[in-house]
C-alpha atoms as a PDB file:
ATOM      1  CA  MET A   1      95.146 113.381  50.644  1.00  0.00           C
ATOM      2  CA  GLU A   2      95.994 114.024  54.105  1.00  0.00           C
ATOM      3  CA  LYS A   3      98.175 111.213  56.240  1.00  0.00           C
ATOM      4  CA  LEU A   4      96.410 111.199  59.112  1.00  0.00           C
ATOM      5  CA  ARG A   5      93.355 112.129  61.141  1.00  0.00           C
ATOM      6  CA  LYS A   6      94.271 113.830  64.590  1.00  0.00           C
ATOM      7  CA  GLY A   7      92.614 112.486  68.002  1.00  0.00           C
ATOM      8  CA  VAL A   8      91.987 111.714  70.712  1.00  0.00           C
ATOM      9  CA  VAL A   9      91.675 108.586  73.074  1.00  0.00           C
ATOM     10  CA  GLY A  10      89.845 108.728  76.988  1.00  0.00           C
ATOM     11  CA  VAL A  11      90.728 105.890  78.688  1.00  0.00           C
ATOM     12  CA  ILE A  12      88.537 106.049  81.962  1.00  0.00           C
ATOM     13  CA  ILE A  13      89.850 104.097  84.987  1.00  0.00           C
ATOM     14  CA  ASN A  14      88.429 102.777  88.563  1.00  0.00           C
ATOM     15  CA  SER A  15      89.666 102.496  91.803  1.00  0.00           C
ATOM     16  CA  GLN A  16      90.752  98.798  91.117  1.00  0.00           C
ATOM     17  CA  LYS A  17      93.137 100.386  88.374  1.00  0.00           C
ATOM     18  CA  GLN A  18      90.524  98.939  85.289  1.00  0.00           C
ATOM     19  CA  VAL A  19      90.286 100.631  82.157  1.00  0.00           C
ATOM     20  CA  LEU A  20      86.581 101.304  80.937  1.00  0.00           C
ATOM     21  CA  LEU A  21      86.284  99.580  77.454  1.00  0.00           C
ATOM     22  CA  PHE A  22      83.025  99.842  74.686  1.00  0.00           C
ATOM     23  CA  GLU A  23      81.844  97.782  72.469  1.00  0.00           C
ATOM     24  CA  ARG A  24      81.167  99.361  69.061  1.00  0.00           C
ATOM     25  CA  SER A  25      77.958  99.560  67.629  1.00  0.00           C
ATOM     26  CA  ASP A  26      78.823  99.187  63.839  1.00  0.00           C
ATOM     27  CA  ARG A  27      81.528  95.349  64.472  1.00  0.00           C
ATOM     28  CA  PRO A  28      79.847  92.882  66.797  1.00  0.00           C
ATOM     29  CA  ASN A  29      82.580  91.620  69.317  1.00  0.00           C
ATOM     30  CA  THR A  30      85.015  94.254  68.525  1.00  0.00           C
ATOM     31  CA  TRP A  31      85.699  96.509  71.611  1.00  0.00           C
ATOM     32  CA  GLN A  32      87.768 100.058  71.946  1.00  0.00           C
ATOM     33  CA  PHE A  33      88.290 103.100  74.055  1.00  0.00           C
ATOM     34  CA  PRO A  34      86.173 106.104  73.588  1.00  0.00           C
ATOM     35  CA  GLN A  35      87.875 109.086  70.730  1.00  0.00           C
ATOM     36  CA  GLY A  36      87.218 110.696  67.924  1.00  0.00           C
ATOM     37  CA  GLY A  37      88.619 113.373  66.217  1.00  0.00           C
ATOM     38  CA  ILE A  38      89.749 116.930  67.057  1.00  0.00           C
ATOM     39  CA  LYS A  39      88.397 119.618  65.153  1.00  0.00           C
ATOM     40  CA  LYS A  40      90.445 123.137  64.005  1.00  0.00           C
ATOM     41  CA  SER A  41      88.366 125.003  66.751  1.00  0.00           C
ATOM     42  CA  GLU A  42      88.938 122.790  69.516  1.00  0.00           C
ATOM     43  CA  THR A  43      92.232 122.158  71.875  1.00  0.00           C
ATOM     44  CA  PRO A  44      92.461 118.341  72.853  1.00  0.00           C
ATOM     45  CA  GLU A  45      90.940 118.361  75.770  1.00  0.00           C
ATOM     46  CA  GLU A  46      88.226 119.932  74.802  1.00  0.00           C
ATOM     47  CA  ALA A  47      87.774 117.479  71.745  1.00  0.00           C
ATOM     48  CA  LEU A  48      87.896 114.521  74.572  1.00  0.00           C
ATOM     49  CA  TYR A  49      85.358 116.238  76.916  1.00  0.00           C
ATOM     50  CA  ARG A  50      83.374 116.489  73.133  1.00  0.00           C
ATOM     51  CA  GLU A  51      83.965 113.063  72.458  1.00  0.00           C
ATOM     52  CA  LEU A  52      82.887 110.838  75.244  1.00  0.00           C
ATOM     53  CA  LEU A  53      79.616 113.315  75.558  1.00  0.00           C
ATOM     54  CA  GLU A  54      78.686 111.947  72.171  1.00  0.00           C
ATOM     55  CA  GLU A  55      79.806 108.315  72.697  1.00  0.00           C
ATOM     56  CA  ILE A  56      78.909 107.575  75.755  1.00  0.00           C
ATOM     57  CA  GLY A  57      76.647 110.422  76.527  1.00  0.00           C
ATOM     58  CA  THR A  58      78.194 111.575  79.260  1.00  0.00           C
ATOM     59  CA  ASN A  59      82.067 113.879  79.763  1.00  0.00           C
ATOM     60  CA  LYS A  60      81.093 113.952  84.029  1.00  0.00           C
ATOM     61  CA  CYS A  61      85.134 112.916  84.460  1.00  0.00           C
ATOM     62  CA  ASP A  62      88.074 114.518  85.427  1.00  0.00           C
ATOM     63  CA  ILE A  63      91.417 114.164  83.593  1.00  0.00           C
ATOM     64  CA  LEU A  64      94.582 112.455  85.743  1.00  0.00           C
ATOM     65  CA  LYS A  65      96.813 112.706  82.682  1.00  0.00           C
ATOM     66  CA  ARG A  66      98.030 113.241  79.372  1.00  0.00           C
ATOM     67  CA  GLY A  67      99.619 111.343  77.554  1.00  0.00           C
ATOM     68  CA  VAL A  68     103.260 113.233  76.374  1.00  0.00           C
ATOM     69  CA  GLY A  69     103.361 111.923  73.181  1.00  0.00           C
ATOM     70  CA  THR A  70     100.608 110.226  69.888  1.00  0.00           C
ATOM     71  CA  THR A  71     100.388 106.605  68.875  1.00  0.00           C
ATOM     72  CA  VAL A  72      99.103 105.801  65.462  1.00  0.00           C
ATOM     73  CA  TYR A  73      97.418 103.407  63.195  1.00  0.00           C
ATOM     74  CA  HIS A  74      96.728 102.730  59.314  1.00  0.00           C
ATOM     75  CA  TRP A  75      93.265 101.364  58.263  1.00  0.00           C
ATOM     76  CA  PRO A  76      93.649  98.632  57.075  1.00  0.00           C
ATOM     77  CA  LYS A  77      91.655  99.787  54.163  1.00  0.00           C
ATOM     78  CA  ILE A  78      92.256 103.289  53.411  1.00  0.00           C
ATOM     79  CA  SER A  79      88.968 105.379  53.403  1.00  0.00           C
ATOM     80  CA  GLY A  80      88.159 109.013  53.046  1.00  0.00           C
ATOM     81  CA  LYS A  81      90.871 111.384  52.951  1.00  0.00           C
ATOM     82  CA  TYR A  82      93.249 109.983  55.647  1.00  0.00           C
ATOM     83  CA  LEU A  83      95.295 107.001  55.983  1.00  0.00           C
ATOM     84  CA  GLY A  84      94.752 106.074  59.110  1.00  0.00           C
ATOM     85  CA  GLN A  85      94.941 108.409  62.929  1.00  0.00           C
ATOM     86  CA  GLU A  86      97.295 110.511  65.230  1.00  0.00           C
ATOM     87  CA  HIS A  87      95.854 110.259  68.744  1.00  0.00           C
ATOM     88  CA  THR A  88      96.612 112.116  71.716  1.00  0.00           C
ATOM     89  CA  TRP A  89      95.785 109.896  74.743  1.00  0.00           C
ATOM     90  CA  PHE A  90      93.795 110.675  78.244  1.00  0.00           C
ATOM     91  CA  LEU A  91      94.107 108.551  81.860  1.00  0.00           C
ATOM     92  CA  CYS A  92      89.972 109.853  83.369  1.00  0.00           C
ATOM     93  CA  SER A  93      88.134 108.976  85.657  1.00  0.00           C
ATOM     94  CA  LEU A  94      84.484 109.697  86.369  1.00  0.00           C
ATOM     95  CA  HIS A  95      82.907 111.502  88.921  1.00  0.00           C
ATOM     96  CA  LEU A  96      81.442 110.119  91.880  1.00  0.00           C
ATOM     97  CA  ASN A  97      78.257 107.290  90.382  1.00  0.00           C
ATOM     98  CA  VAL A  98      78.725 108.701  87.004  1.00  0.00           C
ATOM     99  CA  LEU A  99      78.874 105.549  84.362  1.00  0.00           C
ATOM    100  CA  PRO A 100      78.180 106.206  80.605  1.00  0.00           C
ATOM    101  CA  ILE A 101      74.681 106.773  79.623  1.00  0.00           C
ATOM    102  CA  LEU A 102      74.937 104.400  76.364  1.00  0.00           C
ATOM    103  CA  LYS A 103      70.728 105.467  75.433  1.00  0.00           C
ATOM    104  CA  ASN A 104      72.544 108.970  75.424  1.00  0.00           C
ATOM    105  CA  SER A 105      75.104 108.772  73.062  1.00  0.00           C
ATOM    106  CA  ASP A 106      75.376 108.421  69.359  1.00  0.00           C
ATOM    107  CA  GLY A 107      75.401 105.009  69.399  1.00  0.00           C
ATOM    108  CA  SER A 108      78.881 103.965  68.811  1.00  0.00           C
ATOM    109  CA  PHE A 109      78.914 101.553  71.616  1.00  0.00           C
ATOM    110  CA  VAL A 110      76.402  99.143  72.112  1.00  0.00           C
ATOM    111  CA  ALA A 111      77.849  98.188  75.971  1.00  0.00           C
ATOM    112  CA  TYR A 112      81.189  98.470  77.880  1.00  0.00           C
ATOM    113  CA  GLY A 113      83.176  96.580  80.540  1.00  0.00           C
ATOM    114  CA  TRP A 114      85.533  96.979  83.601  1.00  0.00           C
ATOM    115  CA  GLU A 115      88.844  95.316  82.381  1.00  0.00           C
ATOM    116  CA  THR A 116      92.511  95.236  83.456  1.00  0.00           C
ATOM    117  CA  PRO A 117      94.152  97.068  81.217  1.00  0.00           C
ATOM    118  CA  GLU A 118      95.725  93.807  79.549  1.00  0.00           C
ATOM    119  CA  ASN A 119      92.432  92.053  79.068  1.00  0.00           C
ATOM    120  CA  ALA A 120      91.089  95.268  77.182  1.00  0.00           C
ATOM    121  CA  ILE A 121      93.874  95.276  75.106  1.00  0.00           C
ATOM    122  CA  LYS A 122      93.330  90.906  73.723  1.00  0.00           C
ATOM    123  CA  LYS A 123      89.199  92.357  72.800  1.00  0.00           C
ATOM    124  CA  VAL A 124      91.424  95.826  70.629  1.00  0.00           C
ATOM    125  CA  ILE A 125      90.901  94.696  67.095  1.00  0.00           C
ATOM    126  CA  ASP A 126      94.432  93.645  66.180  1.00  0.00           C
ATOM    127  CA  TRP A 127      95.122  96.584  63.733  1.00  0.00           C
ATOM    128  CA  LYS A 128      94.920  99.000  67.092  1.00  0.00           C
ATOM    129  CA  ARG A 129      97.498  96.836  69.445  1.00  0.00           C
ATOM    130  CA  PRO A 130     100.497  98.018  69.442  1.00  0.00           C
ATOM    131  CA  SER A 131      99.109 102.022  69.285  1.00  0.00           C
ATOM    132  CA  TYR A 132      97.086 101.022  72.283  1.00  0.00           C
ATOM    133  CA  GLU A 133      99.732  99.539  74.208  1.00  0.00           C
ATOM    134  CA  GLN A 134     101.746 101.932  73.477  1.00  0.00           C
ATOM    135  CA  GLY A 135      98.866 104.446  74.416  1.00  0.00           C
ATOM    136  CA  LEU A 136      98.809 103.180  77.861  1.00  0.00           C
ATOM    137  CA  LYS A 137     102.743 102.664  78.128  1.00  0.00           C
ATOM    138  CA  GLU A 138     102.198 106.229  77.683  1.00  0.00           C
ATOM    139  CA  LEU A 139      99.538 107.125  80.506  1.00  0.00           C
ATOM    140  CA  GLY A 140     101.959 104.444  82.676  1.00  0.00           C
ATOM    141  CA  PHE A 141     100.235 101.055  82.281  1.00  0.00           C
ATOM    142  CA  THR A 142     103.013  98.370  82.783  1.00  0.00           C
ATOM    143  CA  PHE A 143     102.855  95.021  80.454  1.00  0.00           C
END
């Protein structure tokens, strides 16, 4: 069994310093940032753009910053070949007049909304919160 699945997280920010949070389709009232695994042939940046397109229906954004380190969380129930995930974090901004197009996505999310980073953390499922706090700090957010 491999320990941790390597992946990326995309934190999309707007001019008011709010972050874009998404509600999961498989867990009502559970919110998170777009994230996903890195394929063997991809760089983390390539994985980020692919995951954004798959999960939110657009990847028309610019990478503003890449976190220096990675974050880790373990799943509460082990399923498959991984114990959890290790993520590289990216801060992004959508291109002008671009918004997520969930109808063009893979169905991971059913809704989205802009939140302050503090409120975003409160909406994330409890076992992911420490990883999310660390990831946001890696990108320069303070709480």
